[in-house]
Amino acid sequence: MRVRRAHADDHDAVVSVLARAFDSDPMVGYLLRQDRRRAAAYGGCFSAFFRHMCLPHGEVWLEEEGRGAALWTPPGAWEVSLARALVMAPSLIAAVGPARLLRSARGMARVQAIHPKAPHYYLFALGVDPDAQGRGIGSALLTRVLEQCDEKGMGAYLEASTASSARLYARHAFLGQEEFRMAEDAPPIWPMWRDPLN
């Protein structure tokens, strides 16, 4: 299984596979609009994080046949600065839609509040095309960055949005924390931390 760092010209491949992978994800469905602009919302959200949060740090990974991708940020880069927020705001507001804007903003603020402060690599999203799941692509995408974590003695953090993804991450030494909900009506997520293996 071959994975590589993605480049700017891989934008469409990364965004499209993530949109397919997260099409039925409960948390993404809760946060993003579900009206006639739904498809554009999913693409716009992943595009914003690809362009402005992850690609500038060289931590976007793509399976060579475009069947899976992962968006990471390196230590110290997971928080959205004011300048970056202003650049991303139009895309993210359009992706959420006016009806969900306040709810999503409050929920994400709660998620940010529990984010670890210790230096770590942060996995924003990892997705595999539904037709290619179960073939080791997700593990291959994880392994490349986790090897870096181990070499540097650095932790890794993510929020699993399904029980099945939490099981995948647990196989790679992530430890689950308590189930968390960003609001009473929100689906659960599972914050997970991984210490470096050395």
Protein backbone atom coordinates (compact mmCIF):
# COMPACT_ATOMS: atom_id res chain seq x y z
CA MET A 1 0.00 0.00 0.00
CA ARG A 2 1.63 3.25 -1.16
CA VAL A 3 0.79 6.62 0.33
CA ARG A 4 2.53 9.92 -0.29
CA ARG A 5 2.41 13.54 0.71
CA ALA A 6 -0.17 15.40 -1.33
CA HIS A 7 0.54 18.59 -3.23
CA ALA A 8 -1.62 21.50 -4.32
CA ASP A 9 -2.53 19.77 -7.58
CA ASP A 10 -3.93 16.85 -5.59
CA HIS A 11 -6.66 19.11 -4.20
CA ASP A 12 -9.53 17.58 -6.16
CA ALA A 13 -8.51 13.99 -5.42
CA VAL A 14 -8.17 14.65 -1.69
CA VAL A 15 -11.38 16.65 -1.34
CA SER A 16 -13.49 14.25 -3.39
CA VAL A 17 -12.38 11.11 -1.53
CA LEU A 18 -12.91 12.77 1.85
CA ALA A 19 -16.37 13.96 0.81
CA ARG A 20 -17.28 10.40 -0.22
CA ALA A 21 -15.79 8.89 2.92
CA PHE A 22 -17.65 11.25 5.24
CA ASP A 23 -20.93 11.23 3.32
CA SER A 24 -22.71 9.25 6.05
CA ASP A 25 -20.59 10.40 9.01
CA PRO A 26 -22.92 11.43 11.86
CA MET A 27 -20.82 14.34 13.13
CA VAL A 28 -20.20 15.84 9.70
CA GLY A 29 -23.91 15.46 8.98
CA TYR A 30 -24.69 17.27 12.23
CA LEU A 31 -22.36 20.19 11.51
CA LEU A 32 -22.81 20.76 7.78
CA ARG A 33 -25.90 21.75 5.87
CA GLN A 34 -28.10 18.96 4.55
CA ASP A 35 -30.14 20.89 2.00
CA ARG A 36 -29.73 21.13 -1.78
CA ARG A 37 -26.25 22.61 -1.26
CA ARG A 38 -25.07 19.59 0.71
CA ALA A 39 -22.55 18.30 -1.85
CA ALA A 40 -20.94 21.72 -2.19
CA ALA A 41 -20.86 22.04 1.59
CA TYR A 42 -18.88 18.83 2.06
CA GLY A 43 -16.42 19.75 -0.67
CA GLY A 44 -16.07 23.31 0.59
CA CYS A 45 -15.33 22.24 4.16
CA PHE A 46 -12.60 19.76 3.24
CA SER A 47 -11.20 22.16 0.65
CA ALA A 48 -10.82 24.92 3.26
CA PHE A 49 -8.94 22.67 5.66
CA PHE A 50 -6.82 21.21 2.86
CA ARG A 51 -5.77 24.63 1.53
CA HIS A 52 -5.43 26.66 4.70
CA MET A 53 -4.72 24.32 7.61
CA CYS A 54 -2.88 21.23 6.40
CA LEU A 55 -1.24 21.72 2.99
CA PRO A 56 0.88 24.70 4.14
CA HIS A 57 2.53 22.36 6.66
CA GLY A 58 3.00 19.47 4.21
CA GLU A 59 0.82 17.12 6.23
CA VAL A 60 -1.78 16.03 3.69
CA TRP A 61 -1.41 12.38 2.76
CA LEU A 62 -2.95 10.59 -0.21
CA GLU A 63 -3.15 6.92 -1.18
CA GLU A 64 -1.53 6.64 -4.59
CA GLU A 65 -4.74 5.59 -6.36
CA GLY A 66 -6.81 8.31 -4.66
CA ARG A 67 -8.77 5.85 -2.53
CA GLY A 68 -8.01 7.55 0.78
CA ALA A 69 -6.58 10.72 2.28
CA ALA A 70 -5.65 12.19 5.63
CA LEU A 71 -5.44 15.80 6.81
CA TRP A 72 -2.98 16.39 9.66
CA THR A 73 -1.51 19.44 11.33
CA PRO A 74 1.91 19.34 13.00
CA PRO A 75 2.58 20.46 16.58
CA GLY A 76 1.52 24.03 17.27
CA ALA A 77 -0.54 24.38 14.10
CA TRP A 78 -3.97 22.99 15.00
CA GLU A 79 -5.44 26.23 16.34
CA VAL A 80 -7.07 28.53 13.80
CA SER A 81 -5.48 31.98 14.00
CA LEU A 82 -7.64 35.05 13.46
CA ALA A 83 -6.06 35.68 10.06
CA ARG A 84 -6.63 32.10 8.97
CA ALA A 85 -10.18 32.16 10.32
CA LEU A 86 -10.98 35.20 8.22
CA VAL A 87 -9.64 33.49 5.10
CA MET A 88 -11.56 30.28 5.80
CA ALA A 89 -14.76 31.93 7.04
CA PRO A 90 -16.61 32.30 3.71
CA SER A 91 -16.11 28.62 2.81
CA LEU A 92 -17.00 27.34 6.26
CA ILE A 93 -20.05 29.59 6.66
CA ALA A 94 -21.31 28.41 3.27
CA ALA A 95 -20.67 24.78 4.28
CA VAL A 96 -22.56 25.09 7.55
CA GLY A 97 -25.37 27.26 6.24
CA PRO A 98 -27.27 29.95 8.11
CA ALA A 99 -29.61 27.57 9.94
CA ARG A 100 -26.74 25.71 11.61
CA LEU A 101 -24.19 28.48 11.97
CA LEU A 102 -24.64 29.35 15.65
CA ARG A 103 -25.11 25.73 16.71
CA SER A 104 -22.00 24.59 14.83
CA ALA A 105 -19.87 27.48 16.12
CA ARG A 106 -20.83 26.74 19.72
CA GLY A 107 -20.24 23.03 19.29
CA MET A 108 -16.82 23.47 17.72
CA ALA A 109 -15.83 25.86 20.51
CA ARG A 110 -16.64 23.10 23.01
CA VAL A 111 -14.54 20.61 21.04
CA GLN A 112 -11.64 23.09 20.90
CA ALA A 113 -11.85 23.58 24.66
CA ILE A 114 -11.01 19.92 25.34
CA HIS A 115 -8.16 19.81 22.82
CA PRO A 116 -4.88 18.84 24.52
CA LYS A 117 -2.33 21.59 25.10
CA ALA A 118 0.72 19.32 24.96
CA PRO A 119 2.58 19.39 21.61
CA HIS A 120 1.15 16.83 19.19
CA TYR A 121 0.22 15.97 15.64
CA TYR A 122 -3.52 16.44 15.12
CA LEU A 123 -5.53 14.29 12.73
CA PHE A 124 -8.34 16.49 11.46
CA ALA A 125 -9.74 13.92 9.05
CA LEU A 126 -8.90 10.52 7.61
CA GLY A 127 -11.21 8.99 5.06
CA VAL A 128 -11.26 6.03 2.71
CA ASP A 129 -13.62 5.65 -0.22
CA PRO A 130 -16.49 3.41 0.93
CA ASP A 131 -15.82 0.97 -1.92
CA ALA A 132 -12.18 0.55 -0.79
CA GLN A 133 -12.60 0.22 2.96
CA GLY A 134 -11.22 -2.81 4.78
CA ARG A 135 -8.09 -3.06 2.60
CA GLY A 136 -5.58 -1.41 4.92
CA ILE A 137 -5.66 2.04 3.32
CA GLY A 138 -6.62 3.81 6.53
CA SER A 139 -3.84 2.05 8.43
CA ALA A 140 -1.31 2.97 5.75
CA LEU A 141 -2.33 6.64 5.93
CA LEU A 142 -2.02 6.58 9.71
CA THR A 143 1.31 4.80 9.81
CA ARG A 144 3.25 7.40 7.83
CA VAL A 145 2.59 10.18 10.33
CA LEU A 146 2.68 7.97 13.41
CA GLU A 147 6.20 6.90 12.41
CA GLN A 148 7.16 10.57 12.48
CA CYS A 149 5.57 10.91 15.91
CA ASP A 150 7.59 8.00 17.23
CA GLU A 151 10.85 9.30 15.75
CA LYS A 152 10.29 12.76 17.27
CA GLY A 153 8.87 11.55 20.59
CA MET A 154 5.64 13.39 19.83
CA GLY A 155 2.04 12.59 20.76
CA ALA A 156 -0.91 12.42 18.36
CA TYR A 157 -4.54 13.36 18.90
CA LEU A 158 -7.85 12.99 17.08
CA GLU A 159 -11.60 12.88 17.63
CA ALA A 160 -13.15 9.68 16.32
CA SER A 161 -16.68 10.24 15.04
CA THR A 162 -17.78 6.61 14.89
CA ALA A 163 -17.21 3.54 17.02
CA SER A 164 -15.69 1.72 14.03
CA SER A 165 -13.12 4.44 13.41
CA ALA A 166 -12.29 4.48 17.12
CA ARG A 167 -11.48 0.76 16.85
CA LEU A 168 -9.12 1.43 13.92
CA TYR A 169 -7.30 4.10 15.90
CA ALA A 170 -7.12 1.86 18.97
CA ARG A 171 -5.25 -0.72 16.87
CA HIS A 172 -2.62 1.98 16.32
CA ALA A 173 -2.12 2.66 20.04
CA PHE A 174 -4.58 5.53 20.42
CA LEU A 175 -6.30 5.45 23.78
CA GLY A 176 -9.92 6.51 23.97
CA GLN A 177 -11.14 9.08 26.44
CA GLU A 178 -14.72 9.47 27.60
CA GLU A 179 -17.43 9.89 25.01
CA PHE A 180 -18.03 13.59 24.37
CA ARG A 181 -20.98 15.48 22.89
CA MET A 182 -20.67 19.04 21.69
CA ALA A 183 -24.38 19.57 22.44
CA GLU A 184 -27.26 17.57 23.88
CA ASP A 185 -28.61 16.75 20.44
CA ALA A 186 -25.20 16.05 18.88
CA PRO A 187 -23.87 12.60 18.07
CA PRO A 188 -20.99 11.38 20.24
CA ILE A 189 -17.31 11.70 19.44
CA TRP A 190 -14.41 9.94 21.11
CA PRO A 191 -11.30 12.03 21.80
CA MET A 192 -8.23 9.82 21.49
CA TRP A 193 -4.59 10.37 22.40
CA ARG A 194 -1.50 8.40 21.41
CA ASP A 195 1.82 8.58 23.20
CA PRO A 196 4.90 8.00 21.03
CA LEU A 197 6.15 4.44 20.91
CA ASN A 198 9.87 4.23 21.58
